[in-house]
PDB file of N, CA and C in Angstrom:
ATOM      1  N   MET A   1     -10.177   4.779  -8.764  1.00  0.00           N
ATOM      2  CA  MET A   1     -10.456   4.050  -9.529  1.00  0.00           C
ATOM      3  C   MET A   1      -9.253   3.044  -9.397  1.00  0.00           C
ATOM      4  N   PHE A   2      -9.732   1.710  -9.757  1.00  0.00           N
ATOM      5  CA  PHE A   2      -8.899   0.496  -9.750  1.00  0.00           C
ATOM      6  C   PHE A   2      -8.502   0.141 -11.490  1.00  0.00           C
ATOM      7  N   PRO A   3      -7.081  -0.650 -11.621  1.00  0.00           N
ATOM      8  CA  PRO A   3      -7.125  -1.143 -12.751  1.00  0.00           C
ATOM      9  C   PRO A   3      -7.890  -2.041 -13.176  1.00  0.00           C
ATOM     10  N   SER A   4      -8.361  -2.359 -14.363  1.00  0.00           N
ATOM     11  CA  SER A   4      -9.039  -3.507 -14.881  1.00  0.00           C
ATOM     12  C   SER A   4      -8.499  -4.601 -15.007  1.00  0.00           C
ATOM     13  N   PHE A   5      -8.933  -5.700 -14.631  1.00  0.00           N
ATOM     14  CA  PHE A   5      -8.551  -6.893 -14.465  1.00  0.00           C
ATOM     15  C   PHE A   5      -9.644  -7.897 -15.077  1.00  0.00           C
ATOM     16  N   ASP A   6     -10.247  -7.411 -16.095  1.00  0.00           N
ATOM     17  CA  ASP A   6     -11.339  -8.376 -16.830  1.00  0.00           C
ATOM     18  C   ASP A   6     -10.725  -9.335 -17.857  1.00  0.00           C
ATOM     19  N   ASP A   7      -9.829  -9.229 -18.624  1.00  0.00           N
ATOM     20  CA  ASP A   7      -8.812  -9.937 -19.146  1.00  0.00           C
ATOM     21  C   ASP A   7      -7.266 -10.110 -18.899  1.00  0.00           C
ATOM     22  N   GLY A   8      -6.984 -10.251 -17.448  1.00  0.00           N
ATOM     23  CA  GLY A   8      -5.592  -9.842 -17.063  1.00  0.00           C
ATOM     24  C   GLY A   8      -5.395  -8.520 -16.628  1.00  0.00           C
ATOM     25  N   PRO A   9      -4.282  -8.455 -15.835  1.00  0.00           N
ATOM     26  CA  PRO A   9      -4.079  -6.775 -15.492  1.00  0.00           C
ATOM     27  C   PRO A   9      -4.094  -5.901 -16.356  1.00  0.00           C
ATOM     28  N   ASP A  10      -4.748  -4.601 -16.578  1.00  0.00           N
ATOM     29  CA  ASP A  10      -4.675  -3.925 -17.434  1.00  0.00           C
ATOM     30  C   ASP A  10      -4.366  -2.821 -16.896  1.00  0.00           C
ATOM     31  N   PHE A  11      -3.367  -1.922 -16.480  1.00  0.00           N
ATOM     32  CA  PHE A  11      -3.173  -0.779 -16.036  1.00  0.00           C
ATOM     33  C   PHE A  11      -3.405   0.356 -16.623  1.00  0.00           C
ATOM     34  N   THR A  12      -3.816   0.352 -17.863  1.00  0.00           N
ATOM     35  CA  THR A  12      -4.054   1.476 -18.793  1.00  0.00           C
ATOM     36  C   THR A  12      -5.486   1.854 -18.727  1.00  0.00           C
ATOM     37  N   ARG A  13      -6.297   1.094 -18.273  1.00  0.00           N
ATOM     38  CA  ARG A  13      -7.850   0.973 -18.066  1.00  0.00           C
ATOM     39  C   ARG A  13      -8.409   1.056 -16.778  1.00  0.00           C
ATOM     40  N   LEU A  14      -8.961   1.970 -16.200  1.00  0.00           N
ATOM     41  CA  LEU A  14      -9.357   2.026 -14.902  1.00  0.00           C
ATOM     42  C   LEU A  14     -10.729   1.335 -14.932  1.00  0.00           C
ATOM     43  N   ARG A  15     -11.401   0.945 -13.958  1.00  0.00           N
ATOM     44  CA  ARG A  15     -12.735   0.706 -13.532  1.00  0.00           C
ATOM     45  C   ARG A  15     -13.188   1.030 -12.191  1.00  0.00           C
ATOM     46  N   SER A  16     -14.561   1.099 -11.789  1.00  0.00           N
ATOM     47  CA  SER A  16     -15.021   1.970 -11.002  1.00  0.00           C
ATOM     48  C   SER A  16     -14.791   1.187  -9.539  1.00  0.00           C
ATOM     49  N   ALA A  17     -14.600   1.856  -8.351  1.00  0.00           N
ATOM     50  CA  ALA A  17     -14.541   1.153  -7.373  1.00  0.00           C
ATOM     51  C   ALA A  17     -15.630   0.651  -6.683  1.00  0.00           C
ATOM     52  N   LYS A  18     -16.616   0.664  -7.236  1.00  0.00           N
ATOM     53  CA  LYS A  18     -18.046   0.074  -6.383  1.00  0.00           C
ATOM     54  C   LYS A  18     -17.844  -1.423  -6.918  1.00  0.00           C
ATOM     55  N   PRO A  19     -17.611  -2.269  -7.995  1.00  0.00           N
ATOM     56  CA  PRO A  19     -17.524  -3.381  -8.034  1.00  0.00           C
ATOM     57  C   PRO A  19     -16.275  -4.269  -7.309  1.00  0.00           C
ATOM     58  N   VAL A  20     -15.192  -3.217  -7.315  1.00  0.00           N
ATOM     59  CA  VAL A  20     -14.282  -3.784  -6.283  1.00  0.00           C
ATOM     60  C   VAL A  20     -14.599  -4.109  -4.695  1.00  0.00           C
ATOM     61  N   THR A  21     -15.161  -3.004  -4.356  1.00  0.00           N
ATOM     62  CA  THR A  21     -15.865  -3.042  -3.171  1.00  0.00           C
ATOM     63  C   THR A  21     -16.700  -4.027  -2.737  1.00  0.00           C
ATOM     64  N   ASP A  22     -17.843  -4.168  -3.722  1.00  0.00           N
ATOM     65  CA  ASP A  22     -18.914  -5.207  -3.566  1.00  0.00           C
ATOM     66  C   ASP A  22     -18.344  -6.803  -3.744  1.00  0.00           C
ATOM     67  N   LEU A  23     -17.395  -6.849  -4.272  1.00  0.00           N
ATOM     68  CA  LEU A  23     -16.476  -8.384  -4.310  1.00  0.00           C
ATOM     69  C   LEU A  23     -15.803  -8.459  -3.157  1.00  0.00           C
ATOM     70  N   PHE A  24     -15.060  -7.446  -2.838  1.00  0.00           N
ATOM     71  CA  PHE A  24     -14.686  -7.739  -1.194  1.00  0.00           C
ATOM     72  C   PHE A  24     -15.486  -7.819  -0.211  1.00  0.00           C
ATOM     73  N   THR A  25     -16.335  -7.298  -0.130  1.00  0.00           N
ATOM     74  CA  THR A  25     -17.405  -7.515   0.943  1.00  0.00           C
ATOM     75  C   THR A  25     -18.286  -8.592   0.596  1.00  0.00           C
ATOM     76  N   LYS A  26     -18.509  -8.997  -0.477  1.00  0.00           N
ATOM     77  CA  LYS A  26     -18.918 -10.494  -0.658  1.00  0.00           C
ATOM     78  C   LYS A  26     -17.901 -11.574  -0.123  1.00  0.00           C
ATOM     79  N   ARG A  27     -16.711 -11.434  -0.567  1.00  0.00           N
ATOM     80  CA  ARG A  27     -15.694 -12.332  -0.053  1.00  0.00           C
ATOM     81  C   ARG A  27     -15.142 -12.574   1.150  1.00  0.00           C
ATOM     82  N   ALA A  28     -15.337 -11.267   2.137  1.00  0.00           N
ATOM     83  CA  ALA A  28     -14.960 -11.120   3.215  1.00  0.00           C
ATOM     84  C   ALA A  28     -15.800 -11.434   4.348  1.00  0.00           C
ATOM     85  N   ARG A  29     -16.963 -11.567   3.821  1.00  0.00           N
ATOM     86  CA  ARG A  29     -18.397 -11.361   4.645  1.00  0.00           C
ATOM     87  C   ARG A  29     -18.169 -12.804   5.669  1.00  0.00           C
ATOM     88  N   LYS A  30     -17.927 -13.646   5.151  1.00  0.00           N
ATOM     89  CA  LYS A  30     -17.858 -14.990   5.925  1.00  0.00           C
ATOM     90  C   LYS A  30     -16.858 -15.168   6.987  1.00  0.00           C
ATOM     91  N   GLN A  31     -15.647 -14.557   6.818  1.00  0.00           N
ATOM     92  CA  GLN A  31     -14.605 -14.571   7.632  1.00  0.00           C
ATOM     93  C   GLN A  31     -14.581 -13.505   8.555  1.00  0.00           C
ATOM     94  N   PHE A  32     -14.759 -12.274   8.105  1.00  0.00           N
ATOM     95  CA  PHE A  32     -14.604 -10.896   8.793  1.00  0.00           C
ATOM     96  C   PHE A  32     -15.775 -10.065   8.714  1.00  0.00           C
ATOM     97  N   PRO A  33     -16.685 -10.859   9.462  1.00  0.00           N
ATOM     98  CA  PRO A  33     -18.327  -9.904   9.299  1.00  0.00           C
ATOM     99  C   PRO A  33     -17.911  -8.698   9.905  1.00  0.00           C
ATOM    100  N   GLY A  34     -18.565  -7.562   9.188  1.00  0.00           N
ATOM    101  CA  GLY A  34     -18.659  -6.043   9.583  1.00  0.00           C
ATOM    102  C   GLY A  34     -17.315  -5.462   8.884  1.00  0.00           C
ATOM    103  N   LEU A  35     -16.119  -6.133   8.333  1.00  0.00           N
ATOM    104  CA  LEU A  35     -15.078  -5.479   7.975  1.00  0.00           C
ATOM    105  C   LEU A  35     -15.597  -4.931   6.550  1.00  0.00           C
ATOM    106  N   ARG A  36     -15.019  -3.508   6.498  1.00  0.00           N
ATOM    107  CA  ARG A  36     -15.301  -2.731   5.116  1.00  0.00           C
ATOM    108  C   ARG A  36     -14.062  -2.612   4.545  1.00  0.00           C
ATOM    109  N   PHE A  37     -14.087  -2.548   3.362  1.00  0.00           N
ATOM    110  CA  PHE A  37     -13.177  -2.396   2.149  1.00  0.00           C
ATOM    111  C   PHE A  37     -12.437  -0.982   2.827  1.00  0.00           C
ATOM    112  N   HIS A  38     -13.046  -0.124   3.249  1.00  0.00           N
ATOM    113  CA  HIS A  38     -12.483   1.226   3.549  1.00  0.00           C
ATOM    114  C   HIS A  38     -11.482   0.865   4.879  1.00  0.00           C
ATOM    115  N   ASP A  39     -11.830   0.000   5.649  1.00  0.00           N
ATOM    116  CA  ASP A  39     -11.136  -0.282   7.044  1.00  0.00           C
ATOM    117  C   ASP A  39      -9.879  -0.445   6.336  1.00  0.00           C
ATOM    118  N   LEU A  40      -9.522  -1.465   5.192  1.00  0.00           N
ATOM    119  CA  LEU A  40      -8.084  -1.648   4.994  1.00  0.00           C
ATOM    120  C   LEU A  40      -7.057  -0.480   4.887  1.00  0.00           C
ATOM    121  N   ARG A  41      -7.619   0.660   4.600  1.00  0.00           N
ATOM    122  CA  ARG A  41      -6.861   1.806   4.486  1.00  0.00           C
ATOM    123  C   ARG A  41      -6.242   2.067   5.732  1.00  0.00           C
ATOM    124  N   GLY A  42      -7.044   2.108   6.593  1.00  0.00           N
ATOM    125  CA  GLY A  42      -6.267   2.622   8.018  1.00  0.00           C
ATOM    126  C   GLY A  42      -5.317   1.703   8.455  1.00  0.00           C
ATOM    127  N   SER A  43      -5.681   0.184   8.292  1.00  0.00           N
ATOM    128  CA  SER A  43      -4.598  -0.671   8.562  1.00  0.00           C
ATOM    129  C   SER A  43      -3.295  -0.672   7.734  1.00  0.00           C
ATOM    130  N   HIS A  44      -3.507  -0.181   6.261  1.00  0.00           N
ATOM    131  CA  HIS A  44      -2.567   0.107   5.427  1.00  0.00           C
ATOM    132  C   HIS A  44      -1.761   0.880   5.708  1.00  0.00           C
ATOM    133  N   GLU A  45      -2.090   2.067   6.253  1.00  0.00           N
ATOM    134  CA  GLU A  45      -1.291   3.319   6.848  1.00  0.00           C
ATOM    135  C   GLU A  45      -0.776   3.059   8.041  1.00  0.00           C
ATOM    136  N   THR A  46      -1.465   2.547   8.961  1.00  0.00           N
ATOM    137  CA  THR A  46      -0.769   1.963  10.176  1.00  0.00           C
ATOM    138  C   THR A  46       0.425   1.102  10.255  1.00  0.00           C
ATOM    139  N   ALA A  47       0.030  -0.004   9.240  1.00  0.00           N
ATOM    140  CA  ALA A  47       1.338  -0.796   9.077  1.00  0.00           C
ATOM    141  C   ALA A  47       2.700  -0.141   8.400  1.00  0.00           C
ATOM    142  N   LEU A  48       2.199   0.750   7.513  1.00  0.00           N
ATOM    143  CA  LEU A  48       3.291   1.483   6.793  1.00  0.00           C
ATOM    144  C   LEU A  48       4.286   2.249   7.732  1.00  0.00           C
ATOM    145  N   LEU A  49       3.326   2.913   8.720  1.00  0.00           N
ATOM    146  CA  LEU A  49       3.903   3.920   9.839  1.00  0.00           C
ATOM    147  C   LEU A  49       4.950   2.981  10.836  1.00  0.00           C
ATOM    148  N   ASP A  50       4.156   1.866  11.251  1.00  0.00           N
ATOM    149  CA  ASP A  50       4.827   0.880  12.057  1.00  0.00           C
ATOM    150  C   ASP A  50       6.421   0.406  11.286  1.00  0.00           C
ATOM    151  N   ALA A  51       6.407   0.241  10.084  1.00  0.00           N
ATOM    152  CA  ALA A  51       7.396  -0.463   9.250  1.00  0.00           C
ATOM    153  C   ALA A  51       8.250   0.745   9.332  1.00  0.00           C
ATOM    154  N   GLY A  52       8.237   1.875   9.607  1.00  0.00           N
ATOM    155  CA  GLY A  52       8.996   3.062   9.452  1.00  0.00           C
ATOM    156  C   GLY A  52       9.075   4.041   8.519  1.00  0.00           C
ATOM    157  N   VAL A  53       7.826   3.616   7.647  1.00  0.00           N
ATOM    158  CA  VAL A  53       8.119   4.591   6.396  1.00  0.00           C
ATOM    159  C   VAL A  53       7.450   5.889   6.833  1.00  0.00           C
ATOM    160  N   PRO A  54       8.544   6.893   6.425  1.00  0.00           N
ATOM    161  CA  PRO A  54       8.035   8.230   6.839  1.00  0.00           C
ATOM    162  C   PRO A  54       6.767   8.910   6.695  1.00  0.00           C
ATOM    163  N   VAL A  55       6.268   9.724   7.827  1.00  0.00           N
ATOM    164  CA  VAL A  55       4.846  10.166   7.575  1.00  0.00           C
ATOM    165  C   VAL A  55       4.530  10.942   6.256  1.00  0.00           C
ATOM    166  N   HIS A  56       5.503  11.647   5.845  1.00  0.00           N
ATOM    167  CA  HIS A  56       5.079  12.410   4.474  1.00  0.00           C
ATOM    168  C   HIS A  56       5.072  11.638   3.214  1.00  0.00           C
ATOM    169  N   VAL A  57       5.930  10.318   3.559  1.00  0.00           N
ATOM    170  CA  VAL A  57       5.596   9.440   2.323  1.00  0.00           C
ATOM    171  C   VAL A  57       4.357   8.694   2.149  1.00  0.00           C
ATOM    172  N   VAL A  58       3.967   8.253   3.639  1.00  0.00           N
ATOM    173  CA  VAL A  58       2.603   7.379   3.603  1.00  0.00           C
ATOM    174  C   VAL A  58       1.502   8.520   3.218  1.00  0.00           C
ATOM    175  N   ALA A  59       1.681   9.702   3.893  1.00  0.00           N
ATOM    176  CA  ALA A  59       0.540  10.796   3.509  1.00  0.00           C
ATOM    177  C   ALA A  59       0.658  11.163   2.227  1.00  0.00           C
ATOM    178  N   ALA A  60       1.440  11.353   1.404  1.00  0.00           N
ATOM    179  CA  ALA A  60       1.213  11.374   0.004  1.00  0.00           C
ATOM    180  C   ALA A  60       0.746  10.210  -0.701  1.00  0.00           C
ATOM    181  N   ARG A  61       1.194   9.077  -0.514  1.00  0.00           N
ATOM    182  CA  ARG A  61       0.826   7.646  -0.876  1.00  0.00           C
ATOM    183  C   ARG A  61      -0.907   7.720  -0.714  1.00  0.00           C
ATOM    184  N   CYS A  62      -1.358   7.979   0.063  1.00  0.00           N
ATOM    185  CA  CYS A  62      -2.569   8.084   0.624  1.00  0.00           C
ATOM    186  C   CYS A  62      -3.466   9.201   0.304  1.00  0.00           C
ATOM    187  N   GLY A  63      -3.096  10.284  -0.019  1.00  0.00           N
ATOM    188  CA  GLY A  63      -3.879  11.538  -0.516  1.00  0.00           C
ATOM    189  C   GLY A  63      -4.060  12.330   0.750  1.00  0.00           C
ATOM    190  N   HIS A  64      -3.351  12.361   1.731  1.00  0.00           N
ATOM    191  CA  HIS A  64      -3.608  13.100   2.926  1.00  0.00           C
ATOM    192  C   HIS A  64      -2.572  14.212   3.149  1.00  0.00           C
ATOM    193  N   ASP A  65      -2.622  15.064   4.082  1.00  0.00           N
ATOM    194  CA  ASP A  65      -1.921  16.027   4.633  1.00  0.00           C
ATOM    195  C   ASP A  65      -1.196  15.187   5.802  1.00  0.00           C
ATOM    196  N   PRO A  66      -0.048  15.242   6.059  1.00  0.00           N
ATOM    197  CA  PRO A  66       0.617  14.620   7.209  1.00  0.00           C
ATOM    198  C   PRO A  66       0.019  14.784   8.562  1.00  0.00           C
ATOM    199  N   ALA A  67      -0.443  15.907   8.729  1.00  0.00           N
ATOM    200  CA  ALA A  67      -1.277  16.208   9.978  1.00  0.00           C
ATOM    201  C   ALA A  67      -2.442  15.087  10.177  1.00  0.00           C
ATOM    202  N   VAL A  68      -3.038  15.367   9.055  1.00  0.00           N
ATOM    203  CA  VAL A  68      -4.626  14.581   8.799  1.00  0.00           C
ATOM    204  C   VAL A  68      -4.373  12.870   9.105  1.00  0.00           C
ATOM    205  N   LEU A  69      -2.972  12.456   8.248  1.00  0.00           N
ATOM    206  CA  LEU A  69      -2.816  11.192   8.732  1.00  0.00           C
ATOM    207  C   LEU A  69      -2.485  10.732  10.058  1.00  0.00           C
ATOM    208  N   LEU A  70      -1.781  11.870  10.605  1.00  0.00           N
ATOM    209  CA  LEU A  70      -1.334  11.549  12.282  1.00  0.00           C
ATOM    210  C   LEU A  70      -2.614  11.431  12.923  1.00  0.00           C
ATOM    211  N   LYS A  71      -3.367  12.500  12.704  1.00  0.00           N
ATOM    212  CA  LYS A  71      -4.563  12.696  13.543  1.00  0.00           C
ATOM    213  C   LYS A  71      -5.523  11.133  13.296  1.00  0.00           C
ATOM    214  N   SER A  72      -5.581  11.001  12.569  1.00  0.00           N
ATOM    215  CA  SER A  72      -6.580  10.058  12.013  1.00  0.00           C
ATOM    216  C   SER A  72      -6.281   8.507  11.696  1.00  0.00           C
ATOM    217  N   TYR A  73      -5.203   7.918  11.244  1.00  0.00           N
ATOM    218  CA  TYR A  73      -4.587   6.761  11.343  1.00  0.00           C
ATOM    219  C   TYR A  73      -3.396   6.477  11.853  1.00  0.00           C
ATOM    220  N   ALA A  74      -2.629   7.088  12.393  1.00  0.00           N
ATOM    221  CA  ALA A  74      -1.600   6.674  13.287  1.00  0.00           C
ATOM    222  C   ALA A  74      -1.806   5.886  14.421  1.00  0.00           C
ATOM    223  N   LYS A  75      -2.400   4.793  14.429  1.00  0.00           N
ATOM    224  CA  LYS A  75      -2.912   4.030  15.836  1.00  0.00           C
ATOM    225  C   LYS A  75      -1.904   3.928  16.446  1.00  0.00           C
ATOM    226  N   ARG A  76      -1.828   3.632  17.846  1.00  0.00           N
ATOM    227  CA  ARG A  76      -0.796   3.182  18.474  1.00  0.00           C
ATOM    228  C   ARG A  76      -1.079   1.725  18.676  1.00  0.00           C
ATOM    229  N   THR A  77       0.119   0.964  18.225  1.00  0.00           N
ATOM    230  CA  THR A  77      -0.007  -0.572  18.405  1.00  0.00           C
ATOM    231  C   THR A  77       0.823  -0.758  19.138  1.00  0.00           C
ATOM    232  N   LYS A  78       1.121  -2.104  19.986  1.00  0.00           N
ATOM    233  CA  LYS A  78       1.792  -2.820  20.637  1.00  0.00           C
ATOM    234  C   LYS A  78       3.299  -2.972  19.837  1.00  0.00           C
ATOM    235  N   GLY A  79       3.157  -3.311  18.794  1.00  0.00           N
ATOM    236  CA  GLY A  79       4.739  -3.383  18.163  1.00  0.00           C
ATOM    237  C   GLY A  79       5.258  -2.034  18.250  1.00  0.00           C
ATOM    238  N   ALA A  80       4.440  -0.994  17.582  1.00  0.00           N
ATOM    239  CA  ALA A  80       5.264   0.623  17.485  1.00  0.00           C
ATOM    240  C   ALA A  80       5.676   0.680  19.104  1.00  0.00           C
ATOM    241  N   ASP A  81       4.562   0.541  19.851  1.00  0.00           N
ATOM    242  CA  ASP A  81       4.935   0.915  21.374  1.00  0.00           C
ATOM    243  C   ASP A  81       6.303   0.322  22.039  1.00  0.00           C
ATOM    244  N   THR A  82       6.280  -0.974  21.447  1.00  0.00           N
ATOM    245  CA  THR A  82       7.411  -1.818  22.141  1.00  0.00           C
ATOM    246  C   THR A  82       8.709  -1.106  21.457  1.00  0.00           C
ATOM    247  N   SER A  83       8.756  -0.960  20.299  1.00  0.00           N
ATOM    248  CA  SER A  83       9.930  -0.544  19.535  1.00  0.00           C
ATOM    249  C   SER A  83      10.366   0.787  19.976  1.00  0.00           C
ATOM    250  N   ALA A  84       9.592   1.779  20.296  1.00  0.00           N
ATOM    251  CA  ALA A  84       9.606   2.946  20.635  1.00  0.00           C
ATOM    252  C   ALA A  84      10.344   3.032  21.996  1.00  0.00           C
ATOM    253  N   ALA A  85       9.520   2.237  22.995  1.00  0.00           N
ATOM    254  CA  ALA A  85      10.086   1.888  24.387  1.00  0.00           C
ATOM    255  C   ALA A  85      11.762   1.394  24.373  1.00  0.00           C
ATOM    256  N   LYS A  86      11.594   0.552  23.025  1.00  0.00           N
ATOM    257  CA  LYS A  86      13.189  -0.235  23.133  1.00  0.00           C
ATOM    258  C   LYS A  86      14.319   1.038  22.686  1.00  0.00           C
ATOM    259  N   ILE A  87      14.003   1.948  21.676  1.00  0.00           N
ATOM    260  CA  ILE A  87      14.751   2.963  21.204  1.00  0.00           C
ATOM    261  C   ILE A  87      15.007   3.947  22.332  1.00  0.00           C
ATOM    262  N   ILE A  88      14.142   4.384  22.937  1.00  0.00           N
ATOM    263  CA  ILE A  88      14.177   5.335  24.221  1.00  0.00           C
ATOM    264  C   ILE A  88      15.051   4.584  25.390  1.00  0.00           C
ATOM    265  N   GLY A  89      14.897   3.217  25.650  1.00  0.00           N
ATOM    266  CA  GLY A  89      15.713   2.704  26.447  1.00  0.00           C
ATOM    267  C   GLY A  89      17.211   2.779  26.094  1.00  0.00           C
ATOM    268  N   ASN A  90      17.341   2.436  25.089  1.00  0.00           N
ATOM    269  CA  ASN A  90      18.708   2.208  24.432  1.00  0.00           C
ATOM    270  C   ASN A  90      19.273   3.457  24.638  1.00  0.00           C
ATOM    271  N   MET A  91      18.643   4.695  23.982  1.00  0.00           N
ATOM    272  CA  MET A  91      19.007   6.042  24.047  1.00  0.00           C
ATOM    273  C   MET A  91      19.395   6.269  25.884  1.00  0.00           C
ATOM    274  N   SER A  92      18.654   6.046  26.516  1.00  0.00           N
ATOM    275  CA  SER A  92      18.735   6.715  28.236  1.00  0.00           C
ATOM    276  C   SER A  92      19.926   5.710  28.236  1.00  0.00           C
ATOM    277  N   LYS A  93      20.440   4.617  28.092  1.00  0.00           N
ATOM    278  CA  LYS A  93      21.440   3.803  28.716  1.00  0.00           C
ATOM    279  C   LYS A  93      22.834   4.234  28.289  1.00  0.00           C
ATOM    280  N   ALA A  94      22.646   4.798  26.919  1.00  0.00           N
ATOM    281  CA  ALA A  94      23.903   5.444  26.214  1.00  0.00           C
ATOM    282  C   ALA A  94      24.279   6.939  26.948  1.00  0.00           C
ATOM    283  N   ILE A  95      23.366   7.403  27.491  1.00  0.00           N
ATOM    284  CA  ILE A  95      23.276   8.702  27.734  1.00  0.00           C
ATOM    285  C   ILE A  95      23.862   8.572  29.244  1.00  0.00           C
ATOM    286  N   LEU A  96      23.322   7.866  29.877  1.00  0.00           N
ATOM    287  CA  LEU A  96      23.615   7.672  31.234  1.00  0.00           C
ATOM    288  C   LEU A  96      25.044   6.451  31.689  1.00  0.00           C
ATOM    289  N   GLY A  97      25.270   5.912  30.581  1.00  0.00           N
ATOM    290  CA  GLY A  97      26.288   4.995  30.478  1.00  0.00           C
ATOM    291  C   GLY A  97      26.374   3.742  31.618  1.00  0.00           C
ATOM    292  N   THR A  98      24.914   3.180  31.558  1.00  0.00           N
ATOM    293  CA  THR A  98      24.707   2.320  32.231  1.00  0.00           C
ATOM    294  C   THR A  98      24.237   0.902  31.107  1.00  0.00           C
ATOM    295  N   ASP A  99      24.523  -0.254  31.577  1.00  0.00           N
ATOM    296  CA  ASP A  99      24.323  -1.162  31.081  1.00  0.00           C
ATOM    297  C   ASP A  99      23.531  -2.546  31.899  1.00  0.00           C
TER     298      ASP A  99
END
């Protein structure tokens, strides 16, 4: 369910997800053909993980078990891989005493 925005934001009344999905599809169709509202969920979860939000926090926010989240939504992105490579590189240099 989503907050009602009929007369401005009203977070005490909920509305069905179907009209939100339909409006999103209608507006996104021209610029992003084939994009589904549900596709934003995976992008949201991946972005949070890439930003360093702990897995258990992202999982709770999205109603997942952490194992399900990691299996289904933790996509490997270039940014995340670059960050991981930099961290392990710095750790290796510190351990080996090289610069």
